[in-house]
Every structure is written in structure tokens, then in C-alpha cells.
Amino acid sequence: AVKMLGAMYFFLRGTPFIYQGQELG
């Protein structure tokens, strides 16, 4: 579920921003 949520926003049109710790879920 955490990976799915990440992909949903990451491939939208625009520059993706990742907040520290988000990449760990």
C-alpha cells in the first residue's frame, strides 16, 4: 500500500518532492 501511494503521486505531471523518511514509509 505504501509503494502504491508513492507511485500514484510520483508519476503525476510535475516535479516530485520526497520528504525525509517518506522513502522508508
PDB file of all heavy atoms in Angstrom:
ATOM      1  N   ALA A   1       0.833  -1.209   0.000  1.00  0.00           N
ATOM      2  CA  ALA A   1       0.000   0.000   0.000  1.00  0.00           C
ATOM      3  C   ALA A   1       0.869   1.261   0.000  1.00  0.00           C
ATOM      4  O   ALA A   1       0.577   2.231  -0.709  1.00  0.00           O
ATOM      5  CB  ALA A   1      -0.932  -0.010   1.215  1.00  0.00           C
ATOM      6  N   VAL A   2       1.940   1.231   0.772  1.00  0.00           N
ATOM      7  CA  VAL A   2       2.834   2.398   0.862  1.00  0.00           C
ATOM      8  C   VAL A   2       3.500   2.653  -0.498  1.00  0.00           C
ATOM      9  O   VAL A   2       3.611   3.804  -0.948  1.00  0.00           O
ATOM     10  CB  VAL A   2       3.888   2.181   1.971  1.00  0.00           C
ATOM     11  CG1 VAL A   2       4.919   3.293   1.974  1.00  0.00           C
ATOM     12  CG2 VAL A   2       3.203   2.077   3.338  1.00  0.00           C
ATOM     13  N   LYS A   3       3.914   1.581  -1.167  1.00  0.00           N
ATOM     14  CA  LYS A   3       4.528   1.733  -2.503  1.00  0.00           C
ATOM     15  C   LYS A   3       3.505   2.263  -3.508  1.00  0.00           C
ATOM     16  O   LYS A   3       3.814   3.119  -4.339  1.00  0.00           O
ATOM     17  CB  LYS A   3       5.076   0.378  -2.984  1.00  0.00           C
ATOM     18  CG  LYS A   3       6.259  -0.127  -2.185  1.00  0.00           C
ATOM     19  CD  LYS A   3       6.616  -1.548  -2.629  1.00  0.00           C
ATOM     20  CE  LYS A   3       7.659  -2.177  -1.733  1.00  0.00           C
ATOM     21  NZ  LYS A   3       7.908  -3.590  -2.081  1.00  0.00           N
ATOM     22  N   MET A   4       2.289   1.734  -3.453  1.00  0.00           N
ATOM     23  CA  MET A   4       1.232   2.167  -4.371  1.00  0.00           C
ATOM     24  C   MET A   4       0.970   3.669  -4.208  1.00  0.00           C
ATOM     25  O   MET A   4       0.891   4.415  -5.189  1.00  0.00           O
ATOM     26  CB  MET A   4      -0.033   1.345  -4.083  1.00  0.00           C
ATOM     27  CG  MET A   4      -1.251   1.683  -4.920  1.00  0.00           C
ATOM     28  SD  MET A   4      -2.226   3.062  -4.289  1.00  0.00           S
ATOM     29  CE  MET A   4      -2.647   2.488  -2.644  1.00  0.00           C
ATOM     30  N   LEU A   5       0.854   4.112  -2.950  1.00  0.00           N
ATOM     31  CA  LEU A   5       0.614   5.532  -2.680  1.00  0.00           C
ATOM     32  C   LEU A   5       1.765   6.380  -3.244  1.00  0.00           C
ATOM     33  O   LEU A   5       1.538   7.430  -3.869  1.00  0.00           O
ATOM     34  CB  LEU A   5       0.483   5.749  -1.168  1.00  0.00           C
ATOM     35  CG  LEU A   5       0.363   7.197  -0.681  1.00  0.00           C
ATOM     36  CD1 LEU A   5      -0.913   7.846  -1.195  1.00  0.00           C
ATOM     37  CD2 LEU A   5       0.408   7.249   0.854  1.00  0.00           C
ATOM     38  N   GLY A   6       2.995   5.912  -3.034  1.00  0.00           N
ATOM     39  CA  GLY A   6       4.164   6.635  -3.547  1.00  0.00           C
ATOM     40  C   GLY A   6       4.138   6.770  -5.058  1.00  0.00           C
ATOM     41  O   GLY A   6       4.376   7.850  -5.606  1.00  0.00           O
ATOM     42  N   ALA A   7       3.814   5.690  -5.753  1.00  0.00           N
ATOM     43  CA  ALA A   7       3.790   5.717  -7.225  1.00  0.00           C
ATOM     44  C   ALA A   7       2.687   6.642  -7.736  1.00  0.00           C
ATOM     45  O   ALA A   7       2.865   7.360  -8.719  1.00  0.00           O
ATOM     46  CB  ALA A   7       3.611   4.308  -7.774  1.00  0.00           C
ATOM     47  N   MET A   8       1.537   6.624  -7.047  1.00  0.00           N
ATOM     48  CA  MET A   8       0.394   7.416  -7.510  1.00  0.00           C
ATOM     49  C   MET A   8       0.776   8.891  -7.660  1.00  0.00           C
ATOM     50  O   MET A   8       0.454   9.537  -8.651  1.00  0.00           O
ATOM     51  CB  MET A   8      -0.768   7.264  -6.522  1.00  0.00           C
ATOM     52  CG  MET A   8      -2.043   7.990  -6.916  1.00  0.00           C
ATOM     53  SD  MET A   8      -2.065   9.756  -6.559  1.00  0.00           S
ATOM     54  CE  MET A   8      -1.965   9.750  -4.758  1.00  0.00           C
ATOM     55  N   TYR A   9       1.472   9.431  -6.650  1.00  0.00           N
ATOM     56  CA  TYR A   9       1.795  10.859  -6.749  1.00  0.00           C
ATOM     57  C   TYR A   9       3.078  11.101  -7.551  1.00  0.00           C
ATOM     58  O   TYR A   9       3.240  12.123  -8.210  1.00  0.00           O
ATOM     59  CB  TYR A   9       1.906  11.482  -5.337  1.00  0.00           C
ATOM     60  CG  TYR A   9       3.326  11.649  -4.853  1.00  0.00           C
ATOM     61  CD1 TYR A   9       4.011  12.858  -5.004  1.00  0.00           C
ATOM     62  CD2 TYR A   9       4.016  10.578  -4.278  1.00  0.00           C
ATOM     63  CE1 TYR A   9       5.327  12.989  -4.593  1.00  0.00           C
ATOM     64  CE2 TYR A   9       5.323  10.712  -3.867  1.00  0.00           C
ATOM     65  CZ  TYR A   9       5.982  11.919  -4.031  1.00  0.00           C
ATOM     66  OH  TYR A   9       7.292  12.051  -3.640  1.00  0.00           O
ATOM     67  N   PHE A  10       4.018  10.137  -7.515  1.00  0.00           N
ATOM     68  CA  PHE A  10       5.339  10.350  -8.102  1.00  0.00           C
ATOM     69  C   PHE A  10       5.278  10.526  -9.621  1.00  0.00           C
ATOM     70  O   PHE A  10       6.071  11.265 -10.202  1.00  0.00           O
ATOM     71  CB  PHE A  10       6.269   9.177  -7.742  1.00  0.00           C
ATOM     72  CG  PHE A  10       7.717   9.446  -8.061  1.00  0.00           C
ATOM     73  CD1 PHE A  10       8.513  10.143  -7.168  1.00  0.00           C
ATOM     74  CD2 PHE A  10       8.279   9.022  -9.254  1.00  0.00           C
ATOM     75  CE1 PHE A  10       9.846  10.415  -7.455  1.00  0.00           C
ATOM     76  CE2 PHE A  10       9.612   9.280  -9.555  1.00  0.00           C
ATOM     77  CZ  PHE A  10      10.393   9.976  -8.647  1.00  0.00           C
ATOM     78  N   PHE A  11       4.315   9.854 -10.271  1.00  0.00           N
ATOM     79  CA  PHE A  11       4.257   9.903 -11.737  1.00  0.00           C
ATOM     80  C   PHE A  11       3.224  10.894 -12.273  1.00  0.00           C
ATOM     81  O   PHE A  11       2.908  10.899 -13.456  1.00  0.00           O
ATOM     82  CB  PHE A  11       4.041   8.494 -12.302  1.00  0.00           C
ATOM     83  CG  PHE A  11       5.231   7.601 -12.053  1.00  0.00           C
ATOM     84  CD1 PHE A  11       5.167   6.567 -11.126  1.00  0.00           C
ATOM     85  CD2 PHE A  11       6.434   7.824 -12.698  1.00  0.00           C
ATOM     86  CE1 PHE A  11       6.269   5.762 -10.856  1.00  0.00           C
ATOM     87  CE2 PHE A  11       7.552   7.034 -12.450  1.00  0.00           C
ATOM     88  CZ  PHE A  11       7.469   5.997 -11.526  1.00  0.00           C
ATOM     89  N   LEU A  12       2.720  11.756 -11.387  1.00  0.00           N
ATOM     90  CA  LEU A  12       1.895  12.878 -11.851  1.00  0.00           C
ATOM     91  C   LEU A  12       2.771  13.828 -12.664  1.00  0.00           C
ATOM     92  O   LEU A  12       4.003  13.774 -12.599  1.00  0.00           O
ATOM     93  CB  LEU A  12       1.305  13.628 -10.657  1.00  0.00           C
ATOM     94  CG  LEU A  12       0.290  12.852  -9.796  1.00  0.00           C
ATOM     95  CD1 LEU A  12       0.031  13.596  -8.486  1.00  0.00           C
ATOM     96  CD2 LEU A  12      -1.015  12.616 -10.545  1.00  0.00           C
ATOM     97  N   ARG A  13       2.148  14.726 -13.419  1.00  0.00           N
ATOM     98  CA  ARG A  13       2.922  15.697 -14.203  1.00  0.00           C
ATOM     99  C   ARG A  13       3.431  16.797 -13.264  1.00  0.00           C
ATOM    100  O   ARG A  13       2.657  17.441 -12.569  1.00  0.00           O
ATOM    101  CB  ARG A  13       2.029  16.307 -15.290  1.00  0.00           C
ATOM    102  CG  ARG A  13       2.720  17.351 -16.150  1.00  0.00           C
ATOM    103  CD  ARG A  13       1.748  17.910 -17.189  1.00  0.00           C
ATOM    104  NE  ARG A  13       2.359  19.001 -17.917  1.00  0.00           N
ATOM    105  CZ  ARG A  13       2.400  20.265 -17.502  1.00  0.00           C
ATOM    106  NH1 ARG A  13       1.855  20.590 -16.340  1.00  0.00           N
ATOM    107  NH2 ARG A  13       2.966  21.208 -18.246  1.00  0.00           N
ATOM    108  N   GLY A  14       4.744  16.978 -13.239  1.00  0.00           N
ATOM    109  CA  GLY A  14       5.339  17.984 -12.355  1.00  0.00           C
ATOM    110  C   GLY A  14       6.620  17.457 -11.746  1.00  0.00           C
ATOM    111  O   GLY A  14       7.059  16.338 -12.037  1.00  0.00           O
ATOM    112  N   THR A  15       7.220  18.259 -10.896  1.00  0.00           N
ATOM    113  CA  THR A  15       8.455  17.872 -10.200  1.00  0.00           C
ATOM    114  C   THR A  15       8.082  17.187  -8.890  1.00  0.00           C
ATOM    115  O   THR A  15       7.386  17.788  -8.068  1.00  0.00           O
ATOM    116  CB  THR A  15       9.319  19.124  -9.935  1.00  0.00           C
ATOM    117  OG1 THR A  15       9.694  19.703 -11.188  1.00  0.00           O
ATOM    118  CG2 THR A  15      10.559  18.784  -9.134  1.00  0.00           C
ATOM    119  N   PRO A  16       8.526  15.936  -8.675  1.00  0.00           N
ATOM    120  CA  PRO A  16       8.190  15.255  -7.418  1.00  0.00           C
ATOM    121  C   PRO A  16       9.094  15.688  -6.261  1.00  0.00           C
ATOM    122  O   PRO A  16      10.299  15.835  -6.424  1.00  0.00           O
ATOM    123  CB  PRO A  16       8.398  13.764  -7.745  1.00  0.00           C
ATOM    124  CG  PRO A  16       9.283  13.730  -8.943  1.00  0.00           C
ATOM    125  CD  PRO A  16       9.254  15.064  -9.608  1.00  0.00           C
ATOM    126  N   PHE A  17       8.463  15.884  -5.107  1.00  0.00           N
ATOM    127  CA  PHE A  17       9.167  16.217  -3.867  1.00  0.00           C
ATOM    128  C   PHE A  17       9.002  15.042  -2.907  1.00  0.00           C
ATOM    129  O   PHE A  17       7.880  14.594  -2.673  1.00  0.00           O
ATOM    130  CB  PHE A  17       8.573  17.478  -3.236  1.00  0.00           C
ATOM    131  CG  PHE A  17       8.982  18.761  -3.914  1.00  0.00           C
ATOM    132  CD1 PHE A  17       8.553  19.045  -5.204  1.00  0.00           C
ATOM    133  CD2 PHE A  17       9.810  19.668  -3.279  1.00  0.00           C
ATOM    134  CE1 PHE A  17       8.933  20.230  -5.848  1.00  0.00           C
ATOM    135  CE2 PHE A  17      10.201  20.854  -3.910  1.00  0.00           C
ATOM    136  CZ  PHE A  17       9.758  21.123  -5.195  1.00  0.00           C
ATOM    137  N   ILE A  18      10.123  14.574  -2.361  1.00  0.00           N
ATOM    138  CA  ILE A  18      10.105  13.481  -1.375  1.00  0.00           C
ATOM    139  C   ILE A  18      10.547  14.091  -0.044  1.00  0.00           C
ATOM    140  O   ILE A  18      11.582  14.761   0.018  1.00  0.00           O
ATOM    141  CB  ILE A  18      11.094  12.367  -1.781  1.00  0.00           C
ATOM    142  CG1 ILE A  18      10.709  11.759  -3.136  1.00  0.00           C
ATOM    143  CG2 ILE A  18      11.172  11.276  -0.707  1.00  0.00           C
ATOM    144  CD1 ILE A  18      11.808  10.877  -3.743  1.00  0.00           C
ATOM    145  N   TYR A  19       9.793  13.865   1.008  1.00  0.00           N
ATOM    146  CA  TYR A  19      10.175  14.385   2.322  1.00  0.00           C
ATOM    147  C   TYR A  19      10.957  13.323   3.094  1.00  0.00           C
ATOM    148  O   TYR A  19      10.641  12.129   3.002  1.00  0.00           O
ATOM    149  CB  TYR A  19       8.920  14.798   3.110  1.00  0.00           C
ATOM    150  CG  TYR A  19       9.268  15.333   4.488  1.00  0.00           C
ATOM    151  CD1 TYR A  19       9.846  16.591   4.628  1.00  0.00           C
ATOM    152  CD2 TYR A  19       9.074  14.567   5.629  1.00  0.00           C
ATOM    153  CE1 TYR A  19      10.213  17.080   5.880  1.00  0.00           C
ATOM    154  CE2 TYR A  19       9.425  15.057   6.887  1.00  0.00           C
ATOM    155  CZ  TYR A  19      10.004  16.310   6.997  1.00  0.00           C
ATOM    156  OH  TYR A  19      10.373  16.779   8.231  1.00  0.00           O
ATOM    157  N   GLN A  20      11.952  13.735   3.855  1.00  0.00           N
ATOM    158  CA  GLN A  20      12.822  12.767   4.542  1.00  0.00           C
ATOM    159  C   GLN A  20      12.009  11.728   5.320  1.00  0.00           C
ATOM    160  O   GLN A  20      11.098  12.064   6.075  1.00  0.00           O
ATOM    161  CB  GLN A  20      13.813  13.478   5.460  1.00  0.00           C
ATOM    162  CG  GLN A  20      13.204  14.183   6.645  1.00  0.00           C
ATOM    163  CD  GLN A  20      14.257  14.899   7.492  1.00  0.00           C
ATOM    164  OE1 GLN A  20      15.112  15.613   6.982  1.00  0.00           O
ATOM    165  NE2 GLN A  20      14.192  14.715   8.803  1.00  0.00           N
ATOM    166  N   GLY A  21      12.351  10.451   5.121  1.00  0.00           N
ATOM    167  CA  GLY A  21      11.655   9.362   5.811  1.00  0.00           C
ATOM    168  C   GLY A  21      10.482   8.815   5.026  1.00  0.00           C
ATOM    169  O   GLY A  21      10.031   7.694   5.263  1.00  0.00           O
ATOM    170  N   GLN A  22       9.981   9.603   4.073  1.00  0.00           N
ATOM    171  CA  GLN A  22       8.886   9.130   3.216  1.00  0.00           C
ATOM    172  C   GLN A  22       9.339   7.911   2.414  1.00  0.00           C
ATOM    173  O   GLN A  22       8.568   6.963   2.205  1.00  0.00           O
ATOM    174  CB  GLN A  22       8.469  10.261   2.277  1.00  0.00           C
ATOM    175  CG  GLN A  22       7.349   9.918   1.312  1.00  0.00           C
ATOM    176  CD  GLN A  22       7.117  11.041   0.304  1.00  0.00           C
ATOM    177  OE1 GLN A  22       7.195  12.216   0.633  1.00  0.00           O
ATOM    178  NE2 GLN A  22       6.843  10.682  -0.940  1.00  0.00           N
ATOM    179  N   GLU A  23      10.618   7.936   2.005  1.00  0.00           N
ATOM    180  CA  GLU A  23      11.153   6.829   1.198  1.00  0.00           C
ATOM    181  C   GLU A  23      11.315   5.550   2.012  1.00  0.00           C
ATOM    182  O   GLU A  23      11.636   4.499   1.450  1.00  0.00           O
ATOM    183  CB  GLU A  23      12.486   7.244   0.557  1.00  0.00           C
ATOM    184  CG  GLU A  23      13.695   7.238   1.464  1.00  0.00           C
ATOM    185  CD  GLU A  23      13.847   8.466   2.379  1.00  0.00           C
ATOM    186  OE1 GLU A  23      12.888   9.259   2.504  1.00  0.00           O
ATOM    187  OE2 GLU A  23      14.935   8.631   2.964  1.00  0.00           O
ATOM    188  N   LEU A  24      11.098   5.641   3.329  1.00  0.00           N
ATOM    189  CA  LEU A  24      11.119   4.441   4.181  1.00  0.00           C
ATOM    190  C   LEU A  24       9.708   4.006   4.543  1.00  0.00           C
ATOM    191  O   LEU A  24       9.519   2.963   5.181  1.00  0.00           O
ATOM    192  CB  LEU A  24      11.895   4.726   5.474  1.00  0.00           C
ATOM    193  CG  LEU A  24      13.340   5.228   5.333  1.00  0.00           C
ATOM    194  CD1 LEU A  24      13.935   5.519   6.707  1.00  0.00           C
ATOM    195  CD2 LEU A  24      14.197   4.220   4.577  1.00  0.00           C
ATOM    196  N   GLY A  25       8.710   4.834   4.203  1.00  0.00           N
ATOM    197  CA  GLY A  25       7.333   4.539   4.620  1.00  0.00           C
ATOM    198  C   GLY A  25       7.102   4.861   6.085  1.00  0.00           C
ATOM    199  O   GLY A  25       6.346   4.171   6.772  1.00  0.00           O
TER     200      GLY A  25
END
